[in-house]
Protein backbone atom coordinates (compact mmCIF):
# COMPACT_ATOMS: atom_id res chain seq x y z
CA MET A 1 112.30 194.20 155.96
CA SER A 2 109.20 195.69 154.33
CA GLU A 3 109.10 195.01 150.60
CA THR A 4 107.97 198.62 150.10
CA ILE A 5 111.40 199.84 151.18
CA GLN A 6 113.27 197.51 148.83
CA ASP A 7 110.94 197.76 145.80
CA LEU A 8 112.88 200.74 144.49
CA ILE A 9 116.10 198.71 144.33
CA ARG A 10 114.79 195.19 143.63
CA PRO A 11 116.91 194.63 140.48
CA GLU A 12 120.00 195.98 142.24
CA LEU A 13 119.44 193.68 145.23
CA GLU A 14 119.33 190.69 142.89
CA ARG A 15 122.65 191.79 141.38
CA TYR A 16 124.02 192.29 144.87
CA GLN A 17 123.11 188.72 145.88
CA LYS A 18 125.04 187.26 142.94
CA VAL A 19 128.16 189.27 143.78
CA PHE A 20 127.86 188.33 147.45
CA ARG A 21 127.66 184.60 146.74
CA SER A 22 130.63 184.67 144.39
CA ALA A 23 132.72 186.56 146.98
CA LEU A 24 132.62 183.60 149.38
CA GLU A 25 133.39 180.72 147.03
CA THR A 26 135.97 178.29 148.40
CA ASP A 27 137.07 174.69 147.90
CA ASN A 28 138.12 174.28 151.55
CA PRO A 29 135.55 171.88 153.12
CA LEU A 30 135.74 173.23 156.67
CA LEU A 31 135.60 176.84 155.51
CA ALA A 32 132.74 176.08 153.11
CA ALA A 33 130.76 174.44 155.91
CA ALA A 34 131.34 177.38 158.27
CA LEU A 35 130.40 179.95 155.62
CA SER A 36 127.31 177.99 154.63
CA HIS A 37 126.21 177.91 158.27
CA LEU A 38 126.90 181.60 158.71
CA MET A 39 124.95 182.56 155.58
CA ASN A 40 122.05 180.29 156.53
CA LYS A 41 120.70 183.31 158.43
CA PRO A 42 121.75 186.22 156.19
CA GLY A 43 119.65 188.83 157.98
CA LYS A 44 117.41 191.42 156.39
CA LEU A 45 119.98 193.12 154.13
CA MET A 46 119.78 196.28 156.22
CA ARG A 47 123.18 197.67 155.26
CA PRO A 48 123.12 196.72 151.54
CA THR A 49 119.65 198.24 151.27
CA LEU A 50 120.90 201.52 152.73
CA THR A 51 123.93 201.52 150.40
CA LEU A 52 121.83 200.90 147.30
CA LEU A 53 119.14 203.43 148.21
CA CYS A 54 121.74 206.14 148.77
CA ALA A 55 123.31 205.27 145.42
CA ARG A 56 119.93 205.78 143.77
CA GLU A 57 119.92 209.33 145.13
CA GLY A 58 122.91 209.94 142.88
CA GLY A 59 120.93 208.59 139.97
CA ASP A 60 122.72 205.32 139.22
CA VAL A 61 123.85 202.05 140.79
CA PRO A 62 127.07 201.07 139.01
CA ASP A 63 128.94 197.84 139.68
CA SER A 64 131.25 199.70 142.05
CA VAL A 65 128.30 200.24 144.40
CA LEU A 66 127.51 196.52 144.37
CA HIS A 67 131.10 195.69 145.28
CA VAL A 68 131.19 198.23 148.09
CA ALA A 69 127.83 196.97 149.43
CA VAL A 70 129.15 193.39 149.43
CA GLY A 71 132.48 194.44 150.93
CA LEU A 72 130.88 196.35 153.80
CA GLU A 73 128.44 193.55 154.56
CA LEU A 74 131.31 191.05 154.60
CA LEU A 75 133.31 193.27 156.95
CA HIS A 76 130.28 193.43 159.21
CA SER A 77 129.90 189.62 159.11
CA ALA A 78 133.57 189.16 159.96
CA SER A 79 133.26 191.52 162.91
CA LEU A 80 130.33 189.48 164.25
CA VAL A 81 132.32 186.25 164.02
CA HIS A 82 135.20 187.86 165.91
CA ASP A 83 132.85 189.52 168.42
CA ASP A 84 131.37 186.12 169.29
CA VAL A 85 134.87 184.89 170.09
CA VAL A 86 135.59 187.94 172.26
CA ASP A 87 132.21 187.74 174.03
CA GLU A 88 132.25 183.92 174.21
CA SER A 89 128.75 183.97 172.68
CA ASP A 90 127.01 180.69 171.87
CA MET A 91 124.28 182.11 169.65
CA ARG A 92 124.08 184.43 166.65
CA ARG A 93 120.81 185.28 164.88
CA GLY A 94 118.98 182.47 166.61
CA GLN A 95 121.44 179.71 165.73
CA PRO A 96 124.75 178.46 167.18
CA SER A 97 127.72 180.76 166.57
CA ILE A 98 130.74 179.65 164.55
CA ASN A 99 132.88 179.36 167.68
CA ALA A 100 130.21 177.25 169.38
CA LEU A 101 129.98 174.79 166.50
CA TRP A 102 133.70 174.55 165.82
CA ASP A 103 136.08 176.38 168.17
CA ASN A 104 137.70 179.78 168.67
CA LYS A 105 140.63 178.98 166.41
CA ALA A 106 138.38 178.11 163.50
CA ALA A 107 136.14 181.12 164.16
CA VAL A 108 139.05 183.57 164.13
CA LEU A 109 140.33 182.14 160.85
CA VAL A 110 136.87 182.18 159.29
CA GLY A 111 136.56 185.82 160.34
CA ASP A 112 139.96 186.55 158.80
CA PHE A 113 138.90 184.93 155.52
CA ILE A 114 135.73 187.00 155.40
CA THR A 115 137.68 190.18 156.21
CA SER A 116 140.09 189.50 153.35
CA SER A 117 137.16 188.79 151.04
CA ALA A 118 135.66 192.13 152.07
CA LEU A 119 138.86 193.95 151.17
CA ALA A 120 139.00 192.15 147.82
CA GLU A 121 135.50 193.39 147.02
CA ILE A 122 136.33 196.97 148.02
CA THR A 123 139.34 197.00 145.67
CA GLN A 124 136.96 196.10 142.83
CA THR A 125 135.49 199.59 143.15
CA ALA A 126 138.78 201.09 141.87
CA SER A 127 138.07 203.91 144.33
CA LEU A 128 140.83 205.04 146.67
CA THR A 129 138.17 206.84 148.70
CA ALA A 130 136.30 203.56 149.22
CA VAL A 131 139.49 201.77 150.24
CA CYS A 132 140.49 204.51 152.69
CA ARG A 133 137.01 204.75 154.20
CA THR A 134 136.83 200.97 154.66
CA ALA A 135 140.23 200.98 156.38
CA TRP A 136 138.94 203.74 158.68
CA LEU A 137 135.82 201.69 159.38
CA GLY A 138 137.84 198.62 160.34
CA ARG A 139 139.75 200.72 162.85
CA GLU A 140 136.51 202.17 164.26
CA LEU A 141 134.96 198.72 164.72
CA ALA A 142 138.01 197.46 166.60
CA ASP A 143 138.26 200.70 168.60
CA GLY A 144 134.62 200.38 169.63
CA GLU A 145 135.05 196.79 170.73
CA LEU A 146 138.13 197.68 172.78
CA LEU A 147 136.37 200.67 174.30
CA GLN A 148 133.50 198.40 175.32
CA LEU A 149 135.97 196.05 177.00
CA ASP A 150 137.57 198.98 178.82
CA VAL A 151 134.19 200.25 180.03
CA THR A 152 133.59 196.98 181.91
CA ARG A 153 136.55 197.90 184.12
CA ARG A 154 135.21 201.35 185.03
CA THR A 155 133.33 202.30 188.19
CA THR A 156 131.43 205.22 186.66
CA PHE A 157 128.32 205.14 184.48
CA ASP A 158 128.38 207.58 181.57
CA GLU A 159 125.81 207.82 178.76
CA ALA A 160 128.30 209.72 176.61
CA VAL A 161 130.63 206.72 176.65
CA TYR A 162 127.72 204.47 175.70
CA TYR A 163 127.04 206.66 172.65
CA ASP A 164 130.74 206.62 171.81
CA VAL A 165 130.78 202.81 171.86
CA ILE A 166 127.70 202.33 169.69
CA GLY A 167 128.86 205.16 167.43
CA LYS A 168 132.04 203.22 166.65
CA LYS A 169 130.64 199.67 166.74
CA THR A 170 127.40 200.22 164.79
CA ALA A 171 126.72 203.75 163.56
CA ALA A 172 130.09 204.04 161.78
CA LEU A 173 129.12 201.10 159.55
CA PHE A 174 125.72 202.55 158.64
CA ALA A 175 127.29 205.95 157.98
CA THR A 176 129.90 204.37 155.70
CA CYS A 177 127.25 202.43 153.78
CA ALA A 178 125.31 205.64 153.19
CA ARG A 179 128.32 207.76 152.28
CA LEU A 180 129.98 205.35 149.86
CA GLY A 181 126.66 204.43 148.27
CA ALA A 182 125.85 208.08 147.63
CA GLU A 183 129.36 209.00 146.52
CA LEU A 184 129.86 206.10 144.12
CA GLY A 185 126.32 206.58 142.84
CA GLY A 186 127.12 210.15 141.82
CA ALA A 187 125.45 212.29 144.48
CA ASP A 188 126.94 215.73 145.09
CA GLU A 189 129.03 216.37 148.20
CA GLY A 190 126.28 218.19 150.09
CA ARG A 191 123.77 215.37 149.75
CA THR A 192 126.49 212.78 150.37
CA ARG A 193 127.33 214.41 153.70
CA ARG A 194 123.66 214.58 154.69
CA LEU A 195 123.16 210.93 153.86
CA GLU A 196 126.29 210.03 155.82
CA ARG A 197 124.85 211.81 158.86
CA PHE A 198 121.52 210.10 158.21
CA GLY A 199 123.28 206.72 158.25
CA HIS A 200 125.00 207.55 161.52
CA LEU A 201 121.71 208.46 163.21
CA VAL A 202 119.98 205.35 161.88
CA GLY A 203 122.89 203.23 163.11
CA LEU A 204 122.51 204.65 166.63
CA CYS A 205 118.80 203.82 166.55
CA PHE A 206 119.52 200.34 165.23
CA GLN A 207 121.84 199.52 168.13
CA MET A 208 119.55 201.09 170.71
CA ARG A 209 116.64 199.00 169.45
CA ASP A 210 118.88 195.92 169.52
CA ASP A 211 119.81 196.72 173.12
CA LEU A 212 116.14 196.98 174.08
CA PHE A 213 115.58 193.43 172.82
CA ASP A 214 117.59 192.36 175.85
CA PHE A 215 114.61 193.35 177.98
CA GLY A 216 112.04 191.54 175.84
CA ASP A 217 110.80 188.11 174.82
CA THR A 218 113.65 185.84 173.75
CA ARG A 219 111.21 183.83 171.61
CA GLN A 220 110.66 186.87 169.38
CA THR A 221 114.22 188.15 169.20
CA GLY A 222 116.31 184.98 169.13
CA LYS A 223 118.52 186.69 171.69
CA PRO A 224 118.67 185.43 175.30
CA ALA A 225 117.07 187.91 177.72
CA GLY A 226 119.65 189.59 179.93
CA ASN A 227 122.46 188.47 177.64
CA ASP A 228 124.07 191.93 177.51
CA MET A 229 124.43 192.04 181.27
CA LEU A 230 125.73 188.47 181.32
CA GLU A 231 128.53 189.82 179.12
CA GLY A 232 129.15 192.76 181.44
CA LYS A 233 127.41 195.35 179.25
CA LEU A 234 125.18 198.09 180.67
CA THR A 235 123.02 199.69 178.00
CA LEU A 236 121.07 202.96 177.92
CA PRO A 237 117.97 201.92 179.95
CA VAL A 238 120.13 200.79 182.87
CA LEU A 239 122.53 203.73 182.62
CA PHE A 240 119.56 206.10 182.82
CA VAL A 241 118.13 204.66 186.04
CA LEU A 242 121.55 204.41 187.66
CA ARG A 243 121.66 208.23 187.76
CA GLN A 244 119.51 208.23 190.92
CA ALA A 245 119.63 204.61 191.99
CA GLU A 246 120.23 203.45 195.54
CA PRO A 247 123.75 202.22 196.45
CA TYR A 248 122.48 198.62 196.34
CA TYR A 249 121.78 198.89 192.62
CA ILE A 250 125.06 200.68 191.96
CA ASP A 251 126.80 197.73 193.58
CA LEU A 252 124.75 195.36 191.40
CA ALA A 253 125.80 197.26 188.28
CA LEU A 254 129.45 196.99 189.27
CA LYS A 255 129.00 193.25 189.82
CA VAL A 256 127.50 192.97 186.33
CA ARG A 257 130.53 194.68 184.82
CA ALA A 258 132.83 192.39 186.76
CA GLY A 259 130.96 189.32 185.56
CA GLU A 260 130.03 188.40 189.12
CA ALA A 261 126.26 189.04 189.12
CA SER A 262 123.86 186.13 189.48
CA ALA A 263 120.85 185.61 187.22
CA GLU A 264 118.65 186.84 190.06
CA GLU A 265 120.68 190.03 190.44
CA ILE A 266 120.60 190.68 186.71
CA GLY A 267 116.83 190.23 186.91
CA GLN A 268 116.64 192.83 189.67
CA LEU A 269 118.59 195.36 187.63
CA THR A 270 116.44 194.62 184.59
CA GLN A 271 113.27 195.18 186.59
CA LEU A 272 114.69 198.46 187.91
CA ALA A 273 115.23 199.70 184.35
CA VAL A 274 111.65 198.77 183.44
CA SER A 275 109.93 200.16 186.54
CA ARG A 276 111.81 203.46 186.68
CA GLY A 277 111.46 204.53 183.08
CA GLY A 278 114.70 203.32 181.53
CA LEU A 279 113.00 201.71 178.54
CA ALA A 280 110.75 204.73 178.03
CA TYR A 281 113.81 206.99 178.10
CA ALA A 282 115.56 204.92 175.42
CA GLU A 283 112.43 204.99 173.27
CA ALA A 284 112.29 208.78 173.59
CA GLU A 285 115.95 209.06 172.62
CA MET A 286 115.29 207.02 169.47
CA GLN A 287 112.41 209.30 168.55
CA ARG A 288 114.70 212.30 168.95
CA LEU A 289 117.28 210.74 166.63
CA ARG A 290 114.53 209.77 164.17
CA ALA A 291 113.33 213.37 163.92
CA GLU A 292 116.86 214.57 163.18
CA ALA A 293 117.33 211.84 160.57
CA LEU A 294 114.07 212.64 158.77
CA ALA A 295 114.97 216.33 158.60
CA LEU A 296 118.00 215.37 156.51
CA LEU A 297 115.79 213.89 153.79
CA THR A 298 113.85 217.03 152.91
CA ASP A 299 116.29 218.22 150.23
CA LEU A 300 117.04 215.00 148.36
CA ARG A 301 116.99 214.95 144.56
CA ASP A 302 114.75 211.87 144.29
CA PRO A 303 111.47 211.93 146.31
CA ALA A 304 111.14 208.15 145.93
CA VAL A 305 114.51 207.66 147.63
CA ALA A 306 113.51 210.08 150.41
CA ASP A 307 110.27 208.17 150.98
CA ALA A 308 112.06 204.81 151.05
CA LEU A 309 114.67 206.09 153.50
CA ALA A 310 111.95 207.51 155.75
CA CYS A 311 110.30 204.09 155.79
CA TYR A 312 113.71 202.59 156.49
CA VAL A 313 114.08 204.69 159.65
CA ASP A 314 110.68 203.64 160.89
CA TYR A 315 111.43 200.01 160.19
CA VAL A 316 114.60 200.27 162.31
CA LEU A 317 112.61 201.70 165.21
CA GLN A 318 109.68 199.29 164.92
CA ARG A 319 111.45 196.00 164.17
CA LYS A 320 110.79 193.09 166.51
CA LYS A 321 114.13 191.29 166.13
């Protein structure tokens, strides 16, 4: 992530890192090895950055914000570990997944440990609101994953359902980061609600950009090209072109959902999305969401926070992996 975005919260990010490391301390050798591997690629601190920036809008970043930022990031990490088991994924962030290195049993238990650690951090906020919102978020993440599984059994192609899935699986987390950061940081209810909506919109963009990586260069993204369709998932570019696609491609899409499509057939469907404007449509949708998100920043108390959040949106849309 651009250092310009995080400059405003550099001291808070350093405090966050200390809390994060202490949250995962263990004397269990297998667990320690799995956690060390998982944290070897910690990502770009997207969600903690959003939480801390929204807290700055309230004027302060108390310890409760650090604990909620750590708790939410841990819950996210746990969901990824469990998702890899559900999806039978071999790779995560360009390295072998926990279930690939050990096995599904170990991965589920590692995910459970991280989930419990997340809840322990949230209780450190001494905020019933934070506890309740995190419980809601856990339900949304599971609901989204189950909805995605159910979609693979359907014979219709609906963009609204796609938005519902990514709203639960991804946008709900970003919205919660923004809301709890702002609320625990002391922002008023009006600005807290606007930042929550901002987080939701950014989360949609984040997932849509991630989905577009599936059509790009695997060397840049660390994600195998066509991997979504290998897992039976049809994302926005494909759903768009299926509106007026020939029966042959409809049949291909159904084979993808059933897990019966060959690599060649997945390549054909990918090429259809590229040649008939599916990628361009997804890019336009992200620009529409970006404009709505930026409009929510015009009335913030702190112009520096507004500027950093505007840069944050653009980073989400422009990132390469």
